[in-house]
Amino acid sequence: PEMKELLKEAGICNYSIWLTGDELFGYYECRKGTEHAAAVQ
């Protein structure tokens, strides 16, 4: 729960992770911008 809360605090939403074989692809949107999301994380 604290990880979910941190992601929300960072402005991250619509977060999904996809898997094909051994490869992962993650995508999310940043309500407060990617720089803010990176700084909070």
Full PDB file with SEQRES, HELIX, SHEET, SSBOND, CRYST1, ORIGX, SCALE, CONECT and MASTER records, all heavy atoms in Angstrom:
SEQRES   1 A   41  PRO GLU MET LYS GLU LEU LEU LYS GLU ALA GLY ILE CYS          
SEQRES   2 A   41  ASN TYR SER ILE TRP LEU THR GLY ASP GLU LEU PHE GLY          
SEQRES   3 A   41  TYR TYR GLU CYS ARG LYS GLY THR GLU HIS ALA ALA ALA          
SEQRES   4 A   41  VAL GLN                                                      
HELIX    1 AA1 GLU A    2  GLU A    9  1                                   8    
HELIX    2 AA2 THR A   34  VAL A   40  1                                   7    
SHEET    1 AA1 2 ILE A  12  THR A  20  0                                        
SHEET    2 AA1 2 GLU A  23  CYS A  30 -1                                        
CRYST1    1.000    1.000    1.000  90.00  90.00  90.00 P 1           1          
ORIGX1      1.000000  0.000000  0.000000        0.00000                         
ORIGX2      0.000000  1.000000  0.000000        0.00000                         
ORIGX3      0.000000  0.000000  1.000000        0.00000                         
SCALE1      1.000000  0.000000  0.000000        0.00000                         
SCALE2      0.000000  1.000000  0.000000        0.00000                         
SCALE3      0.000000  0.000000  1.000000        0.00000                         
ATOM      1  N   PRO A   1       0.819  -1.217   0.000  1.00  0.00           N  
ATOM      2  CA  PRO A   1       0.000   0.000   0.000  1.00  0.00           C  
ATOM      3  C   PRO A   1       0.854   1.270   0.000  1.00  0.00           C  
ATOM      4  O   PRO A   1       0.518   2.249  -0.676  1.00  0.00           O  
ATOM      5  CB  PRO A   1      -0.814  -0.108   1.287  1.00  0.00           C  
ATOM      6  CG  PRO A   1      -0.852  -1.564   1.596  1.00  0.00           C  
ATOM      7  CD  PRO A   1       0.460  -2.120   1.095  1.00  0.00           C  
ATOM      8  N   GLU A   2       1.980   1.258   0.725  1.00  0.00           N  
ATOM      9  CA  GLU A   2       2.831   2.451   0.759  1.00  0.00           C  
ATOM     10  C   GLU A   2       3.499   2.713  -0.587  1.00  0.00           C  
ATOM     11  O   GLU A   2       3.804   3.854  -0.930  1.00  0.00           O  
ATOM     12  CB  GLU A   2       3.863   2.378   1.890  1.00  0.00           C  
ATOM     13  CG  GLU A   2       4.853   1.240   1.800  1.00  0.00           C  
ATOM     14  CD  GLU A   2       4.438  -0.029   2.535  1.00  0.00           C  
ATOM     15  OE1 GLU A   2       3.235  -0.327   2.612  1.00  0.00           O  
ATOM     16  OE2 GLU A   2       5.335  -0.733   3.020  1.00  0.00           O  
ATOM     17  N   MET A   3       3.700   1.657  -1.394  1.00  0.00           N  
ATOM     18  CA  MET A   3       4.260   1.852  -2.737  1.00  0.00           C  
ATOM     19  C   MET A   3       3.199   2.485  -3.643  1.00  0.00           C  
ATOM     20  O   MET A   3       3.492   3.420  -4.395  1.00  0.00           O  
ATOM     21  CB  MET A   3       4.750   0.521  -3.308  1.00  0.00           C  
ATOM     22  CG  MET A   3       5.460   0.650  -4.624  1.00  0.00           C  
ATOM     23  SD  MET A   3       6.965   1.655  -4.460  1.00  0.00           S  
ATOM     24  CE  MET A   3       7.585   1.557  -6.110  1.00  0.00           C  
ATOM     25  N   LYS A   4       1.979   2.003  -3.552  1.00  0.00           N  
ATOM     26  CA  LYS A   4       0.887   2.609  -4.334  1.00  0.00           C  
ATOM     27  C   LYS A   4       0.729   4.084  -3.970  1.00  0.00           C  
ATOM     28  O   LYS A   4       0.553   4.933  -4.844  1.00  0.00           O  
ATOM     29  CB  LYS A   4      -0.430   1.879  -4.086  1.00  0.00           C  
ATOM     30  CG  LYS A   4      -0.550   0.553  -4.751  1.00  0.00           C  
ATOM     31  CD  LYS A   4      -1.936  -0.005  -4.479  1.00  0.00           C  
ATOM     32  CE  LYS A   4      -2.163  -1.330  -5.123  1.00  0.00           C  
ATOM     33  NZ  LYS A   4      -3.516  -1.850  -4.857  1.00  0.00           N  
ATOM     34  N   GLU A   5       0.765   4.378  -2.683  1.00  0.00           N  
ATOM     35  CA  GLU A   5       0.605   5.759  -2.225  1.00  0.00           C  
ATOM     36  C   GLU A   5       1.724   6.647  -2.743  1.00  0.00           C  
ATOM     37  O   GLU A   5       1.494   7.783  -3.159  1.00  0.00           O  
ATOM     38  CB  GLU A   5       0.550   5.793  -0.697  1.00  0.00           C  
ATOM     39  CG  GLU A   5       0.197   7.144  -0.140  1.00  0.00           C  
ATOM     40  CD  GLU A   5      -1.147   7.666  -0.617  1.00  0.00           C  
ATOM     41  OE1 GLU A   5      -2.100   6.885  -0.775  1.00  0.00           O  
ATOM     42  OE2 GLU A   5      -1.248   8.886  -0.854  1.00  0.00           O  
ATOM     43  N   LEU A   6       2.946   6.136  -2.722  1.00  0.00           N  
ATOM     44  CA  LEU A   6       4.094   6.902  -3.214  1.00  0.00           C  
ATOM     45  C   LEU A   6       3.936   7.214  -4.701  1.00  0.00           C  
ATOM     46  O   LEU A   6       4.201   8.332  -5.145  1.00  0.00           O  
ATOM     47  CB  LEU A   6       5.389   6.114  -2.956  1.00  0.00           C  
ATOM     48  CG  LEU A   6       6.705   6.770  -3.307  1.00  0.00           C  
ATOM     49  CD1 LEU A   6       7.153   6.681  -4.708  1.00  0.00           C  
ATOM     50  CD2 LEU A   6       6.951   8.024  -2.603  1.00  0.00           C  
ATOM     51  N   LEU A   7       3.491   6.232  -5.483  1.00  0.00           N  
ATOM     52  CA  LEU A   7       3.287   6.454  -6.917  1.00  0.00           C  
ATOM     53  C   LEU A   7       2.226   7.535  -7.147  1.00  0.00           C  
ATOM     54  O   LEU A   7       2.391   8.410  -8.003  1.00  0.00           O  
ATOM     55  CB  LEU A   7       2.904   5.151  -7.611  1.00  0.00           C  
ATOM     56  CG  LEU A   7       3.987   4.068  -7.620  1.00  0.00           C  
ATOM     57  CD1 LEU A   7       3.435   2.764  -8.173  1.00  0.00           C  
ATOM     58  CD2 LEU A   7       5.210   4.518  -8.401  1.00  0.00           C  
ATOM     59  N   LYS A   8       1.165   7.494  -6.375  1.00  0.00           N  
ATOM     60  CA  LYS A   8       0.121   8.518  -6.494  1.00  0.00           C  
ATOM     61  C   LYS A   8       0.658   9.884  -6.089  1.00  0.00           C  
ATOM     62  O   LYS A   8       0.362  10.893  -6.729  1.00  0.00           O  
ATOM     63  CB  LYS A   8      -1.098   8.135  -5.659  1.00  0.00           C  
ATOM     64  CG  LYS A   8      -1.839   6.949  -6.241  1.00  0.00           C  
ATOM     65  CD  LYS A   8      -3.010   6.539  -5.374  1.00  0.00           C  
ATOM     66  CE  LYS A   8      -3.685   5.309  -5.951  1.00  0.00           C  
ATOM     67  NZ  LYS A   8      -4.803   4.872  -5.120  1.00  0.00           N  
ATOM     68  N   GLU A   9       1.454   9.931  -5.021  1.00  0.00           N  
ATOM     69  CA  GLU A   9       2.075  11.183  -4.587  1.00  0.00           C  
ATOM     70  C   GLU A   9       2.974  11.761  -5.694  1.00  0.00           C  
ATOM     71  O   GLU A   9       3.056  12.973  -5.865  1.00  0.00           O  
ATOM     72  CB  GLU A   9       2.920  10.932  -3.334  1.00  0.00           C  
ATOM     73  CG  GLU A   9       3.661  12.145  -2.817  1.00  0.00           C  
ATOM     74  CD  GLU A   9       4.609  11.784  -1.680  1.00  0.00           C  
ATOM     75  OE1 GLU A   9       4.277  10.887  -0.888  1.00  0.00           O  
ATOM     76  OE2 GLU A   9       5.687  12.405  -1.603  1.00  0.00           O  
ATOM     77  N   ALA A  10       3.597  10.873  -6.447  1.00  0.00           N  
ATOM     78  CA  ALA A  10       4.466  11.299  -7.544  1.00  0.00           C  
ATOM     79  C   ALA A  10       3.669  11.776  -8.761  1.00  0.00           C  
ATOM     80  O   ALA A  10       4.245  12.263  -9.734  1.00  0.00           O  
ATOM     81  CB  ALA A  10       5.391  10.151  -7.951  1.00  0.00           C  
ATOM     82  N   GLY A  11       2.334  11.638  -8.698  1.00  0.00           N  
ATOM     83  CA  GLY A  11       1.494  12.063  -9.813  1.00  0.00           C  
ATOM     84  C   GLY A  11       1.349  11.014 -10.898  1.00  0.00           C  
ATOM     85  O   GLY A  11       0.899  11.303 -11.999  1.00  0.00           O  
ATOM     86  N   ILE A  12       1.717   9.778 -10.576  1.00  0.00           N  
ATOM     87  CA  ILE A  12       1.664   8.691 -11.556  1.00  0.00           C  
ATOM     88  C   ILE A  12       0.264   8.095 -11.586  1.00  0.00           C  
ATOM     89  O   ILE A  12      -0.328   7.796 -10.550  1.00  0.00           O  
ATOM     90  CB  ILE A  12       2.719   7.622 -11.217  1.00  0.00           C  
ATOM     91  CG1 ILE A  12       4.111   8.220 -11.424  1.00  0.00           C  
ATOM     92  CG2 ILE A  12       2.520   6.367 -12.049  1.00  0.00           C  
ATOM     93  CD1 ILE A  12       5.246   7.348 -10.953  1.00  0.00           C  
ATOM     94  N   CYS A  13      -0.259   7.917 -12.804  1.00  0.00           N  
ATOM     95  CA  CYS A  13      -1.573   7.307 -12.993  1.00  0.00           C  
ATOM     96  C   CYS A  13      -1.565   6.486 -14.279  1.00  0.00           C  
ATOM     97  O   CYS A  13      -0.617   6.555 -15.068  1.00  0.00           O  
ATOM     98  CB  CYS A  13      -2.668   8.365 -13.023  1.00  0.00           C  
ATOM     99  SG  CYS A  13      -2.484   9.565 -14.346  1.00  0.00           S  
ATOM    100  N   ASN A  14      -2.623   5.742 -14.480  1.00  0.00           N  
ATOM    101  CA  ASN A  14      -2.743   4.896 -15.675  1.00  0.00           C  
ATOM    102  C   ASN A  14      -1.484   4.060 -15.885  1.00  0.00           C  
ATOM    103  O   ASN A  14      -0.957   3.970 -16.987  1.00  0.00           O  
ATOM    104  CB  ASN A  14      -3.066   5.723 -16.921  1.00  0.00           C  
ATOM    105  CG  ASN A  14      -4.412   6.387 -16.825  1.00  0.00           C  
ATOM    106  OD1 ASN A  14      -5.361   5.816 -16.292  1.00  0.00           O  
ATOM    107  ND2 ASN A  14      -4.506   7.603 -17.299  1.00  0.00           N  
ATOM    108  N   TYR A  15      -1.017   3.439 -14.817  1.00  0.00           N  
ATOM    109  CA  TYR A  15       0.218   2.661 -14.825  1.00  0.00           C  
ATOM    110  C   TYR A  15      -0.107   1.218 -15.193  1.00  0.00           C  
ATOM    111  O   TYR A  15      -0.949   0.585 -14.564  1.00  0.00           O  
ATOM    112  CB  TYR A  15       0.859   2.726 -13.439  1.00  0.00           C  
ATOM    113  CG  TYR A  15       2.301   2.261 -13.352  1.00  0.00           C  
ATOM    114  CD1 TYR A  15       3.032   2.509 -12.208  1.00  0.00           C  
ATOM    115  CD2 TYR A  15       2.936   1.582 -14.376  1.00  0.00           C  
ATOM    116  CE1 TYR A  15       4.352   2.110 -12.081  1.00  0.00           C  
ATOM    117  CE2 TYR A  15       4.249   1.180 -14.270  1.00  0.00           C  
ATOM    118  CZ  TYR A  15       4.949   1.440 -13.117  1.00  0.00           C  
ATOM    119  OH  TYR A  15       6.246   1.035 -13.003  1.00  0.00           O  
ATOM    120  N   SER A  16       0.566   0.709 -16.207  1.00  0.00           N  
ATOM    121  CA  SER A  16       0.411  -0.698 -16.568  1.00  0.00           C  
ATOM    122  C   SER A  16       1.770  -1.276 -16.929  1.00  0.00           C  
ATOM    123  O   SER A  16       2.674  -0.562 -17.359  1.00  0.00           O  
ATOM    124  CB  SER A  16      -0.583  -0.865 -17.726  1.00  0.00           C  
ATOM    125  OG  SER A  16      -0.157  -0.138 -18.858  1.00  0.00           O  
ATOM    126  N   ILE A  17       1.899  -2.575 -16.695  1.00  0.00           N  
ATOM    127  CA  ILE A  17       3.115  -3.299 -17.039  1.00  0.00           C  
ATOM    128  C   ILE A  17       2.709  -4.479 -17.909  1.00  0.00           C  
ATOM    129  O   ILE A  17       1.759  -5.207 -17.579  1.00  0.00           O  
ATOM    130  CB  ILE A  17       3.860  -3.790 -15.781  1.00  0.00           C  
ATOM    131  CG1 ILE A  17       4.242  -2.612 -14.885  1.00  0.00           C  
ATOM    132  CG2 ILE A  17       5.112  -4.594 -16.180  1.00  0.00           C  
ATOM    133  CD1 ILE A  17       4.831  -3.005 -13.538  1.00  0.00           C  
ATOM    134  N   TRP A  18       3.433  -4.658 -19.006  1.00  0.00           N  
ATOM    135  CA  TRP A  18       3.146  -5.710 -19.975  1.00  0.00           C  
ATOM    136  C   TRP A  18       4.321  -6.677 -20.024  1.00  0.00           C  
ATOM    137  O   TRP A  18       5.472  -6.269 -19.848  1.00  0.00           O  
ATOM    138  CB  TRP A  18       2.919  -5.095 -21.357  1.00  0.00           C  
ATOM    139  CG  TRP A  18       1.811  -4.095 -21.353  1.00  0.00           C  
ATOM    140  CD1 TRP A  18       1.874  -2.792 -20.953  1.00  0.00           C  
ATOM    141  CD2 TRP A  18       0.468  -4.306 -21.743  1.00  0.00           C  
ATOM    142  NE1 TRP A  18       0.651  -2.190 -21.067  1.00  0.00           N  
ATOM    143  CE2 TRP A  18      -0.232  -3.098 -21.565  1.00  0.00           C  
ATOM    144  CE3 TRP A  18      -0.218  -5.417 -22.239  1.00  0.00           C  
ATOM    145  CZ2 TRP A  18      -1.576  -2.960 -21.858  1.00  0.00           C  
ATOM    146  CZ3 TRP A  18      -1.558  -5.275 -22.538  1.00  0.00           C  
ATOM    147  CH2 TRP A  18      -2.235  -4.065 -22.347  1.00  0.00           C  
ATOM    148  N   LEU A  19       4.024  -7.944 -20.297  1.00  0.00           N  
ATOM    149  CA  LEU A  19       5.039  -8.985 -20.349  1.00  0.00           C  
ATOM    150  C   LEU A  19       4.922  -9.763 -21.649  1.00  0.00           C  
ATOM    151  O   LEU A  19       3.833 -10.184 -22.036  1.00  0.00           O  
ATOM    152  CB  LEU A  19       4.849  -9.932 -19.153  1.00  0.00           C  
ATOM    153  CG  LEU A  19       5.751 -11.153 -19.065  1.00  0.00           C  
ATOM    154  CD1 LEU A  19       7.209 -10.742 -18.834  1.00  0.00           C  
ATOM    155  CD2 LEU A  19       5.283 -12.076 -17.944  1.00  0.00           C  
ATOM    156  N   THR A  20       6.052  -9.944 -22.333  1.00  0.00           N  
ATOM    157  CA  THR A  20       6.116 -10.823 -23.493  1.00  0.00           C  
ATOM    158  C   THR A  20       7.416 -11.611 -23.386  1.00  0.00           C  
ATOM    159  O   THR A  20       8.495 -11.005 -23.312  1.00  0.00           O  
ATOM    160  CB  THR A  20       6.021 -10.051 -24.833  1.00  0.00           C  
ATOM    161  OG1 THR A  20       6.090 -10.986 -25.916  1.00  0.00           O  
ATOM    162  CG2 THR A  20       7.096  -9.003 -24.987  1.00  0.00           C  
ATOM    163  N   GLY A  21       7.311 -12.921 -23.304  1.00  0.00           N  
ATOM    164  CA  GLY A  21       8.501 -13.732 -23.050  1.00  0.00           C  
ATOM    165  C   GLY A  21       9.097 -13.307 -21.716  1.00  0.00           C  
ATOM    166  O   GLY A  21       8.422 -13.322 -20.694  1.00  0.00           O  
ATOM    167  N   ASP A  22      10.361 -12.897 -21.736  1.00  0.00           N  
ATOM    168  CA  ASP A  22      11.019 -12.406 -20.527  1.00  0.00           C  
ATOM    169  C   ASP A  22      11.058 -10.882 -20.471  1.00  0.00           C  
ATOM    170  O   ASP A  22      11.588 -10.316 -19.519  1.00  0.00           O  
ATOM    171  CB  ASP A  22      12.462 -12.929 -20.448  1.00  0.00           C  
ATOM    172  CG  ASP A  22      12.519 -14.417 -20.178  1.00  0.00           C  
ATOM    173  OD1 ASP A  22      11.530 -14.967 -19.656  1.00  0.00           O  
ATOM    174  OD2 ASP A  22      13.546 -15.036 -20.489  1.00  0.00           O  
ATOM    175  N   GLU A  23      10.538 -10.224 -21.491  1.00  0.00           N  
ATOM    176  CA  GLU A  23      10.617  -8.760 -21.563  1.00  0.00           C  
ATOM    177  C   GLU A  23       9.417  -8.093 -20.917  1.00  0.00           C  
ATOM    178  O   GLU A  23       8.280  -8.477 -21.146  1.00  0.00           O  
ATOM    179  CB  GLU A  23      10.710  -8.318 -23.023  1.00  0.00           C  
ATOM    180  CG  GLU A  23      11.996  -8.752 -23.698  1.00  0.00           C  
ATOM    181  CD  GLU A  23      12.041  -8.306 -25.148  1.00  0.00           C  
ATOM    182  OE1 GLU A  23      11.838  -7.093 -25.388  1.00  0.00           O  
ATOM    183  OE2 GLU A  23      12.262  -9.155 -26.014  1.00  0.00           O  
ATOM    184  N   LEU A  24       9.703  -7.067 -20.130  1.00  0.00           N  
ATOM    185  CA  LEU A  24       8.680  -6.245 -19.494  1.00  0.00           C  
ATOM    186  C   LEU A  24       8.652  -4.882 -20.165  1.00  0.00           C  
ATOM    187  O   LEU A  24       9.699  -4.346 -20.538  1.00  0.00           O  
ATOM    188  CB  LEU A  24       9.009  -6.026 -18.018  1.00  0.00           C  
ATOM    189  CG  LEU A  24       8.946  -7.238 -17.112  1.00  0.00           C  
ATOM    190  CD1 LEU A  24       9.677  -6.954 -15.813  1.00  0.00           C  
ATOM    191  CD2 LEU A  24       7.499  -7.625 -16.857  1.00  0.00           C  
ATOM    192  N   PHE A  25       7.458  -4.336 -20.294  1.00  0.00           N  
ATOM    193  CA  PHE A  25       7.285  -2.973 -20.784  1.00  0.00           C  
ATOM    194  C   PHE A  25       6.315  -2.282 -19.847  1.00  0.00           C  
ATOM    195  O   PHE A  25       5.210  -2.767 -19.611  1.00  0.00           O  
ATOM    196  CB  PHE A  25       6.729  -2.972 -22.212  1.00  0.00           C  
ATOM    197  CG  PHE A  25       6.350  -1.601 -22.692  1.00  0.00           C  
ATOM    198  CD1 PHE A  25       7.315  -0.714 -23.129  1.00  0.00           C  
ATOM    199  CD2 PHE A  25       5.028  -1.187 -22.669  1.00  0.00           C  
ATOM    200  CE1 PHE A  25       6.975   0.562 -23.554  1.00  0.00           C  
ATOM    201  CE2 PHE A  25       4.674   0.086 -23.096  1.00  0.00           C  
ATOM    202  CZ  PHE A  25       5.651   0.958 -23.535  1.00  0.00           C  
ATOM    203  N   GLY A  26       6.750  -1.174 -19.267  1.00  0.00           N  
ATOM    204  CA  GLY A  26       5.894  -0.417 -18.366  1.00  0.00           C  
ATOM    205  C   GLY A  26       5.540   0.929 -18.967  1.00  0.00           C  
ATOM    206  O   GLY A  26       6.334   1.527 -19.695  1.00  0.00           O  
ATOM    207  N   TYR A  27       4.339   1.388 -18.670  1.00  0.00           N  
ATOM    208  CA  TYR A  27       3.865   2.676 -19.174  1.00  0.00           C  
ATOM    209  C   TYR A  27       3.053   3.351 -18.089  1.00  0.00           C  
ATOM    210  O   TYR A  27       2.249   2.711 -17.405  1.00  0.00           O  
ATOM    211  CB  TYR A  27       2.976   2.482 -20.405  1.00  0.00           C  
ATOM    212  CG  TYR A  27       2.225   3.734 -20.792  1.00  0.00           C  
ATOM    213  CD1 TYR A  27       2.815   4.695 -21.597  1.00  0.00           C  
ATOM    214  CD2 TYR A  27       0.935   3.975 -20.309  1.00  0.00           C  
ATOM    215  CE1 TYR A  27       2.134   5.860 -21.934  1.00  0.00           C  
ATOM    216  CE2 TYR A  27       0.249   5.142 -20.642  1.00  0.00           C  
ATOM    217  CZ  TYR A  27       0.852   6.072 -21.443  1.00  0.00           C  
ATOM    218  OH  TYR A  27       0.190   7.227 -21.770  1.00  0.00           O  
ATOM    219  N   TYR A  28       3.291   4.649 -17.899  1.00  0.00           N  
ATOM    220  CA  TYR A  28       2.428   5.428 -17.019  1.00  0.00           C  
ATOM    221  C   TYR A  28       2.372   6.871 -17.466  1.00  0.00           C  
ATOM    222  O   TYR A  28       3.166   7.327 -18.274  1.00  0.00           O  
ATOM    223  CB  TYR A  28       2.829   5.321 -15.543  1.00  0.00           C  
ATOM    224  CG  TYR A  28       4.241   5.702 -15.168  1.00  0.00           C  
ATOM    225  CD1 TYR A  28       4.637   7.028 -15.028  1.00  0.00           C  
ATOM    226  CD2 TYR A  28       5.180   4.720 -14.891  1.00  0.00           C  
ATOM    227  CE1 TYR A  28       5.924   7.365 -14.629  1.00  0.00           C  
ATOM    228  CE2 TYR A  28       6.466   5.049 -14.490  1.00  0.00           C  
ATOM    229  CZ  TYR A  28       6.828   6.366 -14.355  1.00  0.00           C  
ATOM    230  OH  TYR A  28       8.100   6.698 -13.953  1.00  0.00           O  
ATOM    231  N   GLU A  29       1.378   7.567 -16.930  1.00  0.00           N  
ATOM    232  CA  GLU A  29       1.199   8.982 -17.208  1.00  0.00           C  
ATOM    233  C   GLU A  29       1.521   9.758 -15.945  1.00  0.00           C  
ATOM    234  O   GLU A  29       1.323   9.261 -14.828  1.00  0.00           O  
ATOM    235  CB  GLU A  29      -0.238   9.242 -17.674  1.00  0.00           C  
ATOM    236  CG  GLU A  29      -0.512   8.545 -18.987  1.00  0.00           C  
ATOM    237  CD  GLU A  29      -1.968   8.559 -19.404  1.00  0.00           C  
ATOM    238  OE1 GLU A  29      -2.828   9.030 -18.627  1.00  0.00           O  
ATOM    239  OE2 GLU A  29      -2.254   8.092 -20.513  1.00  0.00           O  
ATOM    240  N   CYS A  30       2.047  10.963 -16.126  1.00  0.00           N  
ATOM    241  CA  CYS A  30       2.515  11.782 -14.999  1.00  0.00           C  
ATOM    242  C   CYS A  30       1.715  13.071 -14.927  1.00  0.00           C  
ATOM    243  O   CYS A  30       1.900  13.972 -15.751  1.00  0.00           O  
ATOM    244  CB  CYS A  30       3.996  12.101 -15.166  1.00  0.00           C  
ATOM    245  SG  CYS A  30       5.025  10.654 -15.388  1.00  0.00           S  
ATOM    246  N   ARG A  31       0.833  13.159 -13.954  1.00  0.00           N  
ATOM    247  CA  ARG A  31      -0.007  14.353 -13.789  1.00  0.00           C  
ATOM    248  C   ARG A  31       0.799  15.599 -13.465  1.00  0.00           C  
ATOM    249  O   ARG A  31       0.414  16.699 -13.806  1.00  0.00           O  
ATOM    250  CB  ARG A  31      -1.025  14.125 -12.685  1.00  0.00           C  
ATOM    251  CG  ARG A  31      -2.055  13.119 -13.065  1.00  0.00           C  
ATOM    252  CD  ARG A  31      -3.179  13.059 -12.088  1.00  0.00           C  
ATOM    253  NE  ARG A  31      -4.192  12.235 -12.730  1.00  0.00           N  
ATOM    254  CZ  ARG A  31      -4.942  11.378 -12.100  1.00  0.00           C  
ATOM    255  NH1 ARG A  31      -4.842  11.231 -10.821  1.00  0.00           N  
ATOM    256  NH2 ARG A  31      -5.817  10.656 -12.750  1.00  0.00           N  
ATOM    257  N   LYS A  32       1.928  15.417 -12.782  1.00  0.00           N  
ATOM    258  CA  LYS A  32       2.762  16.551 -12.372  1.00  0.00           C  
ATOM    259  C   LYS A  32       4.062  16.614 -13.170  1.00  0.00           C  
ATOM    260  O   LYS A  32       4.963  17.351 -12.801  1.00  0.00           O  
ATOM    261  CB  LYS A  32       3.061  16.449 -10.880  1.00  0.00           C  
ATOM    262  CG  LYS A  32       1.811  16.438 -10.021  1.00  0.00           C  
ATOM    263  CD  LYS A  32       2.141  16.230  -8.556  1.00  0.00           C  
ATOM    264  CE  LYS A  32       0.884  16.141  -7.716  1.00  0.00           C  
ATOM    265  NZ  LYS A  32       1.199  15.889  -6.296  1.00  0.00           N  
ATOM    266  N   GLY A  33       4.146  15.842 -14.242  1.00  0.00           N  
ATOM    267  CA  GLY A  33       5.336  15.843 -15.096  1.00  0.00           C  
ATOM    268  C   GLY A  33       6.314  14.739 -14.725  1.00  0.00           C  
ATOM    269  O   GLY A  33       6.358  14.276 -13.585  1.00  0.00           O  
ATOM    270  N   THR A  34       7.099  14.325 -15.712  1.00  0.00           N  
ATOM    271  CA  THR A  34       8.045  13.239 -15.501  1.00  0.00           C  
ATOM    272  C   THR A  34       9.168  13.629 -14.543  1.00  0.00           C  
ATOM    273  O   THR A  34       9.648  12.793 -13.784  1.00  0.00           O  
ATOM    274  CB  THR A  34       8.644  12.748 -16.828  1.00  0.00           C  
ATOM    275  OG1 THR A  34       9.246  13.851 -17.513  1.00  0.00           O  
ATOM    276  CG2 THR A  34       7.600  12.122 -17.724  1.00  0.00           C  
ATOM    277  N   GLU A  35       9.574  14.889 -14.551  1.00  0.00           N  
ATOM    278  CA  GLU A  35      10.642  15.317 -13.633  1.00  0.00           C  
ATOM    279  C   GLU A  35      10.181  15.213 -12.182  1.00  0.00           C  
ATOM    280  O   GLU A  35      10.936  14.767 -11.316  1.00  0.00           O  
ATOM    281  CB  GLU A  35      11.102  16.733 -13.954  1.00  0.00           C  
ATOM    282  CG  GLU A  35      11.950  16.810 -15.213  1.00  0.00           C  
ATOM    283  CD  GLU A  35      12.495  18.205 -15.461  1.00  0.00           C  
ATOM    284  OE1 GLU A  35      12.598  19.004 -14.507  1.00  0.00           O  
ATOM    285  OE2 GLU A  35      12.824  18.497 -16.626  1.00  0.00           O  
ATOM    286  N   HIS A  36       8.948  15.634 -11.901  1.00  0.00           N  
ATOM    287  CA  HIS A  36       8.412  15.524 -10.544  1.00  0.00           C  
ATOM    288  C   HIS A  36       8.309  14.059 -10.132  1.00  0.00           C  
ATOM    289  O   HIS A  36       8.705  13.687  -9.017  1.00  0.00           O  
ATOM    290  CB  HIS A  36       7.039  16.192 -10.451  1.00  0.00           C  
ATOM    291  CG  HIS A  36       6.383  16.001  -9.123  1.00  0.00           C  
ATOM    292  ND1 HIS A  36       6.734  16.738  -8.013  1.00  0.00           N  
ATOM    293  CD2 HIS A  36       5.421  15.134  -8.718  1.00  0.00           C  
ATOM    294  CE1 HIS A  36       6.013  16.344  -6.982  1.00  0.00           C  
ATOM    295  NE2 HIS A  36       5.207  15.379  -7.381  1.00  0.00           N  
ATOM    296  N   ALA A  37       7.782  13.219 -11.027  1.00  0.00           N  
ATOM    297  CA  ALA A  37       7.639  11.795 -10.722  1.00  0.00           C  
ATOM    298  C   ALA A  37       8.996  11.169 -10.411  1.00  0.00           C  
ATOM    299  O   ALA A  37       9.136  10.409  -9.451  1.00  0.00           O  
ATOM    300  CB  ALA A  37       6.966  11.068 -11.882  1.00  0.00           C  
ATOM    301  N   ALA A  38       9.996  11.506 -11.204  1.00  0.00           N  
ATOM    302  CA  ALA A  38      11.342  10.960 -10.983  1.00  0.00           C  
ATOM    303  C   ALA A  38      11.919  11.444  -9.658  1.00  0.00           C  
ATOM    304  O   ALA A  38      12.526  10.672  -8.912  1.00  0.00           O  
ATOM    305  CB  ALA A  38      12.257  11.343 -12.141  1.00  0.00           C  
ATOM    306  N   ALA A  39      11.725  12.718  -9.341  1.00  0.00           N  
ATOM    307  CA  ALA A  39      12.270  13.283  -8.106  1.00  0.00           C  
ATOM    308  C   ALA A  39      11.644  12.644  -6.868  1.00  0.00           C  
ATOM    309  O   ALA A  39      12.339  12.320  -5.902  1.00  0.00           O  
ATOM    310  CB  ALA A  39      12.081  14.796  -8.080  1.00  0.00           C  
ATOM    311  N   VAL A  40      10.332  12.454  -6.884  1.00  0.00           N  
ATOM    312  CA  VAL A  40       9.648  11.844  -5.743  1.00  0.00           C  
ATOM    313  C   VAL A  40      10.136  10.406  -5.554  1.00  0.00           C  
ATOM    314  O   VAL A  40      10.424   9.977  -4.434  1.00  0.00           O  
ATOM    315  CB  VAL A  40       8.114  11.889  -5.927  1.00  0.00           C  
ATOM    316  CG1 VAL A  40       7.404  11.041  -4.881  1.00  0.00           C  
ATOM    317  CG2 VAL A  40       7.619  13.328  -5.870  1.00  0.00           C  
ATOM    318  N   GLN A  41      10.264   9.679  -6.650  1.00  0.00           N  
ATOM    319  CA  GLN A  41      10.714   8.291  -6.560  1.00  0.00           C  
ATOM    320  C   GLN A  41      12.177   8.200  -6.120  1.00  0.00           C  
ATOM    321  O   GLN A  41      12.536   7.340  -5.313  1.00  0.00           O  
ATOM    322  CB  GLN A  41      10.530   7.575  -7.892  1.00  0.00           C  
ATOM    323  CG  GLN A  41       9.059   7.386  -8.249  1.00  0.00           C  
ATOM    324  CD  GLN A  41       8.901   6.752  -9.594  1.00  0.00           C  
ATOM    325  OE1 GLN A  41       8.948   5.539  -9.716  1.00  0.00           O  
ATOM    326  NE2 GLN A  41       8.745   7.580 -10.622  1.00  0.00           N  
TER     327      GLN A  41                                                      
MASTER        0    0    0    2    2    0    0    6  326    1    0    4          
END                                                                             
